[in-house]
Amino acid sequence: MKTFTTFLNENITQKQLNAIESYADRLFRAVDIDVEFTRHFIDRVNDSRNKKQITQSELIRLFKQTYKKHGKQIPQMGDEAQAQKWAKSQDKVDSAASGEISGV
């Protein structure tokens, strides 16, 4: 059986990231935006340099907050524009994750 600390320090799996990406797609669908995680995004989420492991709930909160604050503005940037959102949570100093969001 895994200890609680081991459970908290595990990497986010590809299956979990797929579920988060599907959630973000549904969220941004209203403004015609397709969210796609790049290989760089996946690598950074699970990077050992992160002071604390990034959690699924942090990523979901990141997309909720981004949609609430910038969702309507991103499509006005044009079809070729890309927006990157850098997550900084509590005492995470380095950029914890970046996600690529591009217009459909």
PDB file of N, CA and C in Angstrom:
ATOM      1  N   MET A   1       0.840  -1.175   0.000  1.00  0.00           N
ATOM      2  CA  MET A   1       0.000   0.000   0.000  1.00  0.00           C
ATOM      3  C   MET A   1       0.891   1.247   0.000  1.00  0.00           C
ATOM      4  N   LYS A   2       0.486   2.267  -0.737  1.00  0.00           N
ATOM      5  CA  LYS A   2       1.236   3.513  -0.824  1.00  0.00           C
ATOM      6  C   LYS A   2       0.999   4.370   0.412  1.00  0.00           C
ATOM      7  N   THR A   3       2.046   5.065   0.811  1.00  0.00           N
ATOM      8  CA  THR A   3       1.863   6.026   1.895  1.00  0.00           C
ATOM      9  C   THR A   3       1.229   7.291   1.319  1.00  0.00           C
ATOM     10  N   PHE A   4       0.694   8.108   2.171  1.00  0.00           N
ATOM     11  CA  PHE A   4       0.063   9.352   1.738  1.00  0.00           C
ATOM     12  C   PHE A   4       1.083  10.265   1.069  1.00  0.00           C
ATOM     13  N   THR A   5       2.292  10.336   1.624  1.00  0.00           N
ATOM     14  CA  THR A   5       3.353  11.175   1.047  1.00  0.00           C
ATOM     15  C   THR A   5       3.719  10.690  -0.345  1.00  0.00           C
ATOM     16  N   THR A   6       3.844   9.393  -0.533  1.00  0.00           N
ATOM     17  CA  THR A   6       4.142   8.833  -1.855  1.00  0.00           C
ATOM     18  C   THR A   6       3.029   9.182  -2.824  1.00  0.00           C
ATOM     19  N   PHE A   7       1.807   9.045  -2.387  1.00  0.00           N
ATOM     20  CA  PHE A   7       0.653   9.368  -3.225  1.00  0.00           C
ATOM     21  C   PHE A   7       0.697  10.832  -3.668  1.00  0.00           C
ATOM     22  N   LEU A   8       1.021  11.738  -2.758  1.00  0.00           N
ATOM     23  CA  LEU A   8       1.067  13.164  -3.079  1.00  0.00           C
ATOM     24  C   LEU A   8       2.207  13.524  -4.024  1.00  0.00           C
ATOM     25  N   ASN A   9       3.280  12.761  -4.008  1.00  0.00           N
ATOM     26  CA  ASN A   9       4.448  13.080  -4.809  1.00  0.00           C
ATOM     27  C   ASN A   9       4.484  12.375  -6.165  1.00  0.00           C
ATOM     28  N   GLU A  10       3.441  11.671  -6.521  1.00  0.00           N
ATOM     29  CA  GLU A  10       3.418  10.970  -7.793  1.00  0.00           C
ATOM     30  C   GLU A  10       3.166  11.938  -8.947  1.00  0.00           C
ATOM     31  N   ASN A  11       3.727  11.586 -10.077  1.00  0.00           N
ATOM     32  CA  ASN A  11       3.513  12.368 -11.287  1.00  0.00           C
ATOM     33  C   ASN A  11       2.078  12.238 -11.758  1.00  0.00           C
ATOM     34  N   ILE A  12       1.625  13.247 -12.484  1.00  0.00           N
ATOM     35  CA  ILE A  12       0.320  13.182 -13.120  1.00  0.00           C
ATOM     36  C   ILE A  12       0.466  12.283 -14.339  1.00  0.00           C
ATOM     37  N   THR A  13      -0.428  11.341 -14.492  1.00  0.00           N
ATOM     38  CA  THR A  13      -0.341  10.382 -15.591  1.00  0.00           C
ATOM     39  C   THR A  13      -0.904  10.974 -16.880  1.00  0.00           C
ATOM     40  N   GLN A  14      -0.582  10.320 -17.989  1.00  0.00           N
ATOM     41  CA  GLN A  14      -1.102  10.755 -19.277  1.00  0.00           C
ATOM     42  C   GLN A  14      -2.632  10.673 -19.287  1.00  0.00           C
ATOM     43  N   LYS A  15      -3.184   9.645 -18.662  1.00  0.00           N
ATOM     44  CA  LYS A  15      -4.641   9.489 -18.595  1.00  0.00           C
ATOM     45  C   LYS A  15      -5.270  10.669 -17.837  1.00  0.00           C
ATOM     46  N   GLN A  16      -4.660  11.067 -16.740  1.00  0.00           N
ATOM     47  CA  GLN A  16      -5.158  12.200 -15.970  1.00  0.00           C
ATOM     48  C   GLN A  16      -5.055  13.500 -16.780  1.00  0.00           C
ATOM     49  N   LEU A  17      -3.939  13.686 -17.485  1.00  0.00           N
ATOM     50  CA  LEU A  17      -3.776  14.876 -18.323  1.00  0.00           C
ATOM     51  C   LEU A  17      -4.802  14.899 -19.450  1.00  0.00           C
ATOM     52  N   ASN A  18      -5.096  13.735 -20.014  1.00  0.00           N
ATOM     53  CA  ASN A  18      -6.120  13.666 -21.060  1.00  0.00           C
ATOM     54  C   ASN A  18      -7.474  14.120 -20.526  1.00  0.00           C
ATOM     55  N   ALA A  19      -7.795  13.718 -19.296  1.00  0.00           N
ATOM     56  CA  ALA A  19      -9.062  14.117 -18.681  1.00  0.00           C
ATOM     57  C   ALA A  19      -9.082  15.631 -18.429  1.00  0.00           C
ATOM     58  N   ILE A  20      -7.968  16.184 -17.979  1.00  0.00           N
ATOM     59  CA  ILE A  20      -7.886  17.629 -17.739  1.00  0.00           C
ATOM     60  C   ILE A  20      -7.998  18.383 -19.059  1.00  0.00           C
ATOM     61  N   GLU A  21      -7.344  17.878 -20.101  1.00  0.00           N
ATOM     62  CA  GLU A  21      -7.428  18.517 -21.419  1.00  0.00           C
ATOM     63  C   GLU A  21      -8.864  18.493 -21.941  1.00  0.00           C
ATOM     64  N   SER A  22      -9.572  17.384 -21.744  1.00  0.00           N
ATOM     65  CA  SER A  22     -10.975  17.300 -22.153  1.00  0.00           C
ATOM     66  C   SER A  22     -11.824  18.316 -21.399  1.00  0.00           C
ATOM     67  N   TYR A  23     -11.554  18.462 -20.106  1.00  0.00           N
ATOM     68  CA  TYR A  23     -12.269  19.453 -19.299  1.00  0.00           C
ATOM     69  C   TYR A  23     -12.020  20.856 -19.851  1.00  0.00           C
ATOM     70  N   ALA A  24     -10.747  21.180 -20.097  1.00  0.00           N
ATOM     71  CA  ALA A  24     -10.400  22.509 -20.602  1.00  0.00           C
ATOM     72  C   ALA A  24     -11.023  22.746 -21.978  1.00  0.00           C
ATOM     73  N   ASP A  25     -11.070  21.723 -22.817  1.00  0.00           N
ATOM     74  CA  ASP A  25     -11.718  21.845 -24.131  1.00  0.00           C
ATOM     75  C   ASP A  25     -13.195  22.197 -23.978  1.00  0.00           C
ATOM     76  N   ARG A  26     -13.866  21.500 -23.063  1.00  0.00           N
ATOM     77  CA  ARG A  26     -15.292  21.794 -22.837  1.00  0.00           C
ATOM     78  C   ARG A  26     -15.478  23.216 -22.308  1.00  0.00           C
ATOM     79  N   LEU A  27     -14.605  23.631 -21.417  1.00  0.00           N
ATOM     80  CA  LEU A  27     -14.680  24.967 -20.827  1.00  0.00           C
ATOM     81  C   LEU A  27     -14.497  26.051 -21.894  1.00  0.00           C
ATOM     82  N   PHE A  28     -13.497  25.900 -22.748  1.00  0.00           N
ATOM     83  CA  PHE A  28     -13.172  26.923 -23.744  1.00  0.00           C
ATOM     84  C   PHE A  28     -13.947  26.771 -25.055  1.00  0.00           C
ATOM     85  N   ARG A  29     -14.730  25.723 -25.184  1.00  0.00           N
ATOM     86  CA  ARG A  29     -15.517  25.506 -26.405  1.00  0.00           C
ATOM     87  C   ARG A  29     -16.438  26.686 -26.695  1.00  0.00           C
ATOM     88  N   ALA A  30     -16.952  27.309 -25.641  1.00  0.00           N
ATOM     89  CA  ALA A  30     -17.878  28.432 -25.793  1.00  0.00           C
ATOM     90  C   ALA A  30     -17.251  29.602 -26.545  1.00  0.00           C
ATOM     91  N   VAL A  31     -15.925  29.707 -26.501  1.00  0.00           N
ATOM     92  CA  VAL A  31     -15.242  30.788 -27.207  1.00  0.00           C
ATOM     93  C   VAL A  31     -14.399  30.234 -28.362  1.00  0.00           C
ATOM     94  N   ASP A  32     -14.739  29.035 -28.804  1.00  0.00           N
ATOM     95  CA  ASP A  32     -14.130  28.407 -29.982  1.00  0.00           C
ATOM     96  C   ASP A  32     -12.618  28.235 -29.850  1.00  0.00           C
ATOM     97  N   ILE A  33     -12.185  27.727 -28.695  1.00  0.00           N
ATOM     98  CA  ILE A  33     -10.769  27.489 -28.447  1.00  0.00           C
ATOM     99  C   ILE A  33     -10.548  26.005 -28.167  1.00  0.00           C
ATOM    100  N   ASP A  34      -9.540  25.457 -28.830  1.00  0.00           N
ATOM    101  CA  ASP A  34      -9.137  24.070 -28.620  1.00  0.00           C
ATOM    102  C   ASP A  34      -7.875  24.063 -27.767  1.00  0.00           C
ATOM    103  N   VAL A  35      -7.919  23.377 -26.652  1.00  0.00           N
ATOM    104  CA  VAL A  35      -6.769  23.297 -25.757  1.00  0.00           C
ATOM    105  C   VAL A  35      -6.012  22.019 -26.090  1.00  0.00           C
ATOM    106  N   GLU A  36      -4.711  22.158 -26.332  1.00  0.00           N
ATOM    107  CA  GLU A  36      -3.860  21.004 -26.594  1.00  0.00           C
ATOM    108  C   GLU A  36      -2.620  21.114 -25.737  1.00  0.00           C
ATOM    109  N   PHE A  37      -2.334  20.058 -24.989  1.00  0.00           N
ATOM    110  CA  PHE A  37      -1.125  20.035 -24.181  1.00  0.00           C
ATOM    111  C   PHE A  37       0.043  19.604 -25.061  1.00  0.00           C
ATOM    112  N   THR A  38       1.096  20.380 -25.028  1.00  0.00           N
ATOM    113  CA  THR A  38       2.300  20.035 -25.778  1.00  0.00           C
ATOM    114  C   THR A  38       3.148  19.071 -24.945  1.00  0.00           C
ATOM    115  N   ARG A  39       4.122  18.473 -25.576  1.00  0.00           N
ATOM    116  CA  ARG A  39       5.058  17.600 -24.862  1.00  0.00           C
ATOM    117  C   ARG A  39       5.781  18.412 -23.774  1.00  0.00           C
ATOM    118  N   HIS A  40       6.106  19.662 -24.086  1.00  0.00           N
ATOM    119  CA  HIS A  40       6.773  20.538 -23.115  1.00  0.00           C
ATOM    120  C   HIS A  40       5.889  20.737 -21.882  1.00  0.00           C
ATOM    121  N   PHE A  41       4.604  20.932 -22.091  1.00  0.00           N
ATOM    122  CA  PHE A  41       3.668  21.100 -20.977  1.00  0.00           C
ATOM    123  C   PHE A  41       3.704  19.868 -20.076  1.00  0.00           C
ATOM    124  N   ILE A  42       3.602  18.707 -20.680  1.00  0.00           N
ATOM    125  CA  ILE A  42       3.585  17.456 -19.906  1.00  0.00           C
ATOM    126  C   ILE A  42       4.901  17.287 -19.145  1.00  0.00           C
ATOM    127  N   ASP A  43       6.019  17.581 -19.811  1.00  0.00           N
ATOM    128  CA  ASP A  43       7.313  17.467 -19.150  1.00  0.00           C
ATOM    129  C   ASP A  43       7.419  18.415 -17.961  1.00  0.00           C
ATOM    130  N   ARG A  44       6.943  19.648 -18.114  1.00  0.00           N
ATOM    131  CA  ARG A  44       7.041  20.628 -17.036  1.00  0.00           C
ATOM    132  C   ARG A  44       6.116  20.304 -15.858  1.00  0.00           C
ATOM    133  N   VAL A  45       4.963  19.756 -16.149  1.00  0.00           N
ATOM    134  CA  VAL A  45       4.044  19.389 -15.054  1.00  0.00           C
ATOM    135  C   VAL A  45       4.712  18.376 -14.139  1.00  0.00           C
ATOM    136  N   ASN A  46       5.428  17.432 -14.721  1.00  0.00           N
ATOM    137  CA  ASN A  46       6.044  16.363 -13.931  1.00  0.00           C
ATOM    138  C   ASN A  46       7.535  16.581 -13.688  1.00  0.00           C
ATOM    139  N   ASP A  47       8.029  17.786 -13.867  1.00  0.00           N
ATOM    140  CA  ASP A  47       9.450  18.072 -13.711  1.00  0.00           C
ATOM    141  C   ASP A  47       9.863  17.976 -12.249  1.00  0.00           C
ATOM    142  N   SER A  48      10.986  17.343 -12.016  1.00  0.00           N
ATOM    143  CA  SER A  48      11.481  17.179 -10.644  1.00  0.00           C
ATOM    144  C   SER A  48      11.938  18.500 -10.034  1.00  0.00           C
ATOM    145  N   ARG A  49      12.144  19.542 -10.854  1.00  0.00           N
ATOM    146  CA  ARG A  49      12.558  20.850 -10.326  1.00  0.00           C
ATOM    147  C   ARG A  49      11.413  21.602  -9.661  1.00  0.00           C
ATOM    148  N   ASN A  50      10.179  21.180  -9.872  1.00  0.00           N
ATOM    149  CA  ASN A  50       9.054  21.808  -9.176  1.00  0.00           C
ATOM    150  C   ASN A  50       9.232  21.570  -7.685  1.00  0.00           C
ATOM    151  N   LYS A  51       9.083  22.612  -6.898  1.00  0.00           N
ATOM    152  CA  LYS A  51       9.277  22.465  -5.455  1.00  0.00           C
ATOM    153  C   LYS A  51       8.267  21.495  -4.853  1.00  0.00           C
ATOM    154  N   LYS A  52       7.030  21.604  -5.319  1.00  0.00           N
ATOM    155  CA  LYS A  52       5.980  20.664  -4.918  1.00  0.00           C
ATOM    156  C   LYS A  52       5.365  20.118  -6.211  1.00  0.00           C
ATOM    157  N   GLN A  53       4.941  18.880  -6.160  1.00  0.00           N
ATOM    158  CA  GLN A  53       4.315  18.276  -7.330  1.00  0.00           C
ATOM    159  C   GLN A  53       3.032  19.038  -7.688  1.00  0.00           C
ATOM    160  N   ILE A  54       2.838  19.299  -8.956  1.00  0.00           N
ATOM    161  CA  ILE A  54       1.624  19.961  -9.428  1.00  0.00           C
ATOM    162  C   ILE A  54       0.494  18.944  -9.400  1.00  0.00           C
ATOM    163  N   THR A  55      -0.651  19.358  -8.915  1.00  0.00           N
ATOM    164  CA  THR A  55      -1.781  18.438  -8.783  1.00  0.00           C
ATOM    165  C   THR A  55      -2.813  18.672  -9.886  1.00  0.00           C
ATOM    166  N   GLN A  56      -3.674  17.683 -10.048  1.00  0.00           N
ATOM    167  CA  GLN A  56      -4.769  17.808 -11.006  1.00  0.00           C
ATOM    168  C   GLN A  56      -5.654  18.998 -10.660  1.00  0.00           C
ATOM    169  N   SER A  57      -5.954  19.166  -9.384  1.00  0.00           N
ATOM    170  CA  SER A  57      -6.838  20.264  -8.976  1.00  0.00           C
ATOM    171  C   SER A  57      -6.212  21.619  -9.273  1.00  0.00           C
ATOM    172  N   GLU A  58      -4.882  21.738  -9.156  1.00  0.00           N
ATOM    173  CA  GLU A  58      -4.215  22.992  -9.504  1.00  0.00           C
ATOM    174  C   GLU A  58      -4.365  23.296 -10.993  1.00  0.00           C
ATOM    175  N   LEU A  59      -4.207  22.274 -11.825  1.00  0.00           N
ATOM    176  CA  LEU A  59      -4.349  22.483 -13.268  1.00  0.00           C
ATOM    177  C   LEU A  59      -5.777  22.871 -13.632  1.00  0.00           C
ATOM    178  N   ILE A  60      -6.741  22.207 -13.029  1.00  0.00           N
ATOM    179  CA  ILE A  60      -8.142  22.532 -13.299  1.00  0.00           C
ATOM    180  C   ILE A  60      -8.441  23.968 -12.861  1.00  0.00           C
ATOM    181  N   ARG A  61      -7.949  24.341 -11.676  1.00  0.00           N
ATOM    182  CA  ARG A  61      -8.141  25.709 -11.182  1.00  0.00           C
ATOM    183  C   ARG A  61      -7.478  26.715 -12.123  1.00  0.00           C
ATOM    184  N   LEU A  62      -6.310  26.373 -12.637  1.00  0.00           N
ATOM    185  CA  LEU A  62      -5.599  27.233 -13.577  1.00  0.00           C
ATOM    186  C   LEU A  62      -6.453  27.518 -14.810  1.00  0.00           C
ATOM    187  N   PHE A  63      -7.062  26.485 -15.370  1.00  0.00           N
ATOM    188  CA  PHE A  63      -7.896  26.683 -16.557  1.00  0.00           C
ATOM    189  C   PHE A  63      -9.184  27.427 -16.233  1.00  0.00           C
ATOM    190  N   LYS A  64      -9.775  27.151 -15.085  1.00  0.00           N
ATOM    191  CA  LYS A  64     -10.978  27.894 -14.677  1.00  0.00           C
ATOM    192  C   LYS A  64     -10.679  29.381 -14.538  1.00  0.00           C
ATOM    193  N   GLN A  65      -9.586  29.694 -13.847  1.00  0.00           N
ATOM    194  CA  GLN A  65      -9.223  31.090 -13.634  1.00  0.00           C
ATOM    195  C   GLN A  65      -8.857  31.780 -14.943  1.00  0.00           C
ATOM    196  N   THR A  66      -8.153  31.070 -15.812  1.00  0.00           N
ATOM    197  CA  THR A  66      -7.775  31.643 -17.107  1.00  0.00           C
ATOM    198  C   THR A  66      -9.010  31.934 -17.938  1.00  0.00           C
ATOM    199  N   TYR A  67      -9.953  30.999 -17.945  1.00  0.00           N
ATOM    200  CA  TYR A  67     -11.182  31.213 -18.718  1.00  0.00           C
ATOM    201  C   TYR A  67     -11.963  32.404 -18.157  1.00  0.00           C
ATOM    202  N   LYS A  68     -12.084  32.445 -16.842  1.00  0.00           N
ATOM    203  CA  LYS A  68     -12.842  33.524 -16.215  1.00  0.00           C
ATOM    204  C   LYS A  68     -12.222  34.890 -16.510  1.00  0.00           C
ATOM    205  N   LYS A  69     -10.894  34.971 -16.443  1.00  0.00           N
ATOM    206  CA  LYS A  69     -10.220  36.248 -16.598  1.00  0.00           C
ATOM    207  C   LYS A  69      -9.950  36.610 -18.064  1.00  0.00           C
ATOM    208  N   HIS A  70      -9.622  35.620 -18.914  1.00  0.00           N
ATOM    209  CA  HIS A  70      -9.163  35.920 -20.267  1.00  0.00           C
ATOM    210  C   HIS A  70      -9.931  35.208 -21.374  1.00  0.00           C
ATOM    211  N   GLY A  71     -10.893  34.382 -21.028  1.00  0.00           N
ATOM    212  CA  GLY A  71     -11.581  33.548 -22.014  1.00  0.00           C
ATOM    213  C   GLY A  71     -12.166  34.314 -23.185  1.00  0.00           C
ATOM    214  N   LYS A  72     -12.762  35.427 -22.930  1.00  0.00           N
ATOM    215  CA  LYS A  72     -13.398  36.206 -24.003  1.00  0.00           C
ATOM    216  C   LYS A  72     -12.369  36.968 -24.849  1.00  0.00           C
ATOM    217  N   GLN A  73     -11.212  37.265 -24.279  1.00  0.00           N
ATOM    218  CA  GLN A  73     -10.201  38.063 -24.971  1.00  0.00           C
ATOM    219  C   GLN A  73      -9.303  37.235 -25.886  1.00  0.00           C
ATOM    220  N   ILE A  74      -9.045  35.981 -25.536  1.00  0.00           N
ATOM    221  CA  ILE A  74      -8.115  35.152 -26.302  1.00  0.00           C
ATOM    222  C   ILE A  74      -8.540  34.992 -27.761  1.00  0.00           C
ATOM    223  N   PRO A  75      -9.826  34.727 -28.069  1.00  0.00           N
ATOM    224  CA  PRO A  75     -10.204  34.566 -29.477  1.00  0.00           C
ATOM    225  C   PRO A  75      -9.992  35.830 -30.311  1.00  0.00           C
ATOM    226  N   GLN A  76     -10.018  36.990 -29.678  1.00  0.00           N
ATOM    227  CA  GLN A  76      -9.829  38.245 -30.391  1.00  0.00           C
ATOM    228  C   GLN A  76      -8.372  38.447 -30.818  1.00  0.00           C
ATOM    229  N   MET A  77      -7.481  37.576 -30.359  1.00  0.00           N
ATOM    230  CA  MET A  77      -6.074  37.677 -30.706  1.00  0.00           C
ATOM    231  C   MET A  77      -5.797  37.180 -32.124  1.00  0.00           C
ATOM    232  N   GLY A  78      -6.747  36.485 -32.730  1.00  0.00           N
ATOM    233  CA  GLY A  78      -6.571  35.985 -34.087  1.00  0.00           C
ATOM    234  C   GLY A  78      -6.302  34.491 -34.114  1.00  0.00           C
ATOM    235  N   ASP A  79      -6.464  33.908 -35.311  1.00  0.00           N
ATOM    236  CA  ASP A  79      -6.338  32.456 -35.467  1.00  0.00           C
ATOM    237  C   ASP A  79      -4.933  31.926 -35.212  1.00  0.00           C
ATOM    238  N   GLU A  80      -3.926  32.710 -35.476  1.00  0.00           N
ATOM    239  CA  GLU A  80      -2.557  32.241 -35.334  1.00  0.00           C
ATOM    240  C   GLU A  80      -1.964  32.497 -33.946  1.00  0.00           C
ATOM    241  N   ALA A  81      -2.694  33.190 -33.102  1.00  0.00           N
ATOM    242  CA  ALA A  81      -2.169  33.556 -31.785  1.00  0.00           C
ATOM    243  C   ALA A  81      -2.144  32.352 -30.853  1.00  0.00           C
ATOM    244  N   GLN A  82      -1.193  32.358 -29.986  1.00  0.00           N
ATOM    245  CA  GLN A  82      -1.120  31.356 -28.932  1.00  0.00           C
ATOM    246  C   GLN A  82      -0.956  32.088 -27.613  1.00  0.00           C
ATOM    247  N   ALA A  83      -1.590  31.578 -26.615  1.00  0.00           N
ATOM    248  CA  ALA A  83      -1.474  32.182 -25.282  1.00  0.00           C
ATOM    249  C   ALA A  83      -0.872  31.151 -24.350  1.00  0.00           C
ATOM    250  N   GLN A  84       0.072  31.576 -23.563  1.00  0.00           N
ATOM    251  CA  GLN A  84       0.652  30.689 -22.562  1.00  0.00           C
ATOM    252  C   GLN A  84       0.343  31.236 -21.190  1.00  0.00           C
ATOM    253  N   LYS A  85      -0.098  30.351 -20.366  1.00  0.00           N
ATOM    254  CA  LYS A  85      -0.434  30.720 -18.992  1.00  0.00           C
ATOM    255  C   LYS A  85       0.559  30.038 -18.068  1.00  0.00           C
ATOM    256  N   TRP A  86       1.288  30.821 -17.298  1.00  0.00           N
ATOM    257  CA  TRP A  86       2.260  30.279 -16.359  1.00  0.00           C
ATOM    258  C   TRP A  86       1.593  30.199 -14.989  1.00  0.00           C
ATOM    259  N   ALA A  87       1.622  29.029 -14.422  1.00  0.00           N
ATOM    260  CA  ALA A  87       1.006  28.834 -13.112  1.00  0.00           C
ATOM    261  C   ALA A  87       2.024  29.077 -12.021  1.00  0.00           C
ATOM    262  N   LYS A  88       1.640  29.872 -11.080  1.00  0.00           N
ATOM    263  CA  LYS A  88       2.445  30.037  -9.868  1.00  0.00           C
ATOM    264  C   LYS A  88       1.489  29.826  -8.708  1.00  0.00           C
ATOM    265  N   SER A  89       1.773  28.846  -7.931  1.00  0.00           N
ATOM    266  CA  SER A  89       0.870  28.507  -6.857  1.00  0.00           C
ATOM    267  C   SER A  89       1.612  28.525  -5.533  1.00  0.00           C
ATOM    268  N   GLN A  90       1.066  29.190  -4.563  1.00  0.00           N
ATOM    269  CA  GLN A  90       1.612  29.315  -3.216  1.00  0.00           C
ATOM    270  C   GLN A  90       3.090  29.645  -3.281  1.00  0.00           C
ATOM    271  N   ASP A  91       3.979  28.779  -2.854  1.00  0.00           N
ATOM    272  CA  ASP A  91       5.396  29.118  -2.853  1.00  0.00           C
ATOM    273  C   ASP A  91       6.150  28.458  -3.994  1.00  0.00           C
ATOM    274  N   LYS A  92       5.468  28.150  -5.089  1.00  0.00           N
ATOM    275  CA  LYS A  92       6.161  27.640  -6.272  1.00  0.00           C
ATOM    276  C   LYS A  92       6.741  28.826  -7.009  1.00  0.00           C
ATOM    277  N   VAL A  93       8.036  28.949  -7.003  1.00  0.00           N
ATOM    278  CA  VAL A  93       8.681  30.112  -7.581  1.00  0.00           C
ATOM    279  C   VAL A  93       8.860  29.957  -9.066  1.00  0.00           C
ATOM    280  N   ASP A  94       9.360  28.801  -9.523  1.00  0.00           N
ATOM    281  CA  ASP A  94       9.544  28.678 -10.958  1.00  0.00           C
ATOM    282  C   ASP A  94       8.213  28.391 -11.630  1.00  0.00           C
ATOM    283  N   SER A  95       8.177  28.634 -12.907  1.00  0.00           N
ATOM    284  CA  SER A  95       6.941  28.436 -13.651  1.00  0.00           C
ATOM    285  C   SER A  95       6.589  26.963 -13.605  1.00  0.00           C
ATOM    286  N   ALA A  96       5.472  26.682 -12.988  1.00  0.00           N
ATOM    287  CA  ALA A  96       5.086  25.301 -12.718  1.00  0.00           C
ATOM    288  C   ALA A  96       4.584  24.597 -13.949  1.00  0.00           C
ATOM    289  N   ALA A  97       3.872  25.298 -14.800  1.00  0.00           N
ATOM    290  CA  ALA A  97       3.337  24.640 -15.991  1.00  0.00           C
ATOM    291  C   ALA A  97       2.983  25.703 -16.999  1.00  0.00           C
ATOM    292  N   SER A  98       3.110  25.358 -18.239  1.00  0.00           N
ATOM    293  CA  SER A  98       2.645  26.268 -19.279  1.00  0.00           C
ATOM    294  C   SER A  98       1.751  25.448 -20.188  1.00  0.00           C
ATOM    295  N   GLY A  99       0.705  26.039 -20.655  1.00  0.00           N
ATOM    296  CA  GLY A  99      -0.213  25.337 -21.542  1.00  0.00           C
ATOM    297  C   GLY A  99      -0.397  26.138 -22.796  1.00  0.00           C
ATOM    298  N   GLU A 100      -0.529  25.450 -23.876  1.00  0.00           N
ATOM    299  CA  GLU A 100      -0.730  26.119 -25.141  1.00  0.00           C
ATOM    300  C   GLU A 100      -2.217  26.142 -25.445  1.00  0.00           C
ATOM    301  N   ILE A 101      -2.735  27.298 -25.738  1.00  0.00           N
ATOM    302  CA  ILE A 101      -4.143  27.453 -26.068  1.00  0.00           C
ATOM    303  C   ILE A 101      -4.188  28.142 -27.403  1.00  0.00           C
ATOM    304  N   SER A 102      -4.785  27.497 -28.381  1.00  0.00           N
ATOM    305  CA  SER A 102      -4.832  28.131 -29.697  1.00  0.00           C
ATOM    306  C   SER A 102      -6.247  28.135 -30.228  1.00  0.00           C
ATOM    307  N   GLY A 103      -6.570  29.169 -30.985  1.00  0.00           N
ATOM    308  CA  GLY A 103      -7.885  29.274 -31.593  1.00  0.00           C
ATOM    309  C   GLY A 103      -8.102  28.192 -32.627  1.00  0.00           C
ATOM    310  N   VAL A 104      -9.354  27.751 -32.772  1.00  0.00           N
ATOM    311  CA  VAL A 104      -9.689  26.687 -33.721  1.00  0.00           C
ATOM    312  C   VAL A 104      -9.806  27.239 -35.105  1.00  0.00           C
TER     313      VAL A 104
END
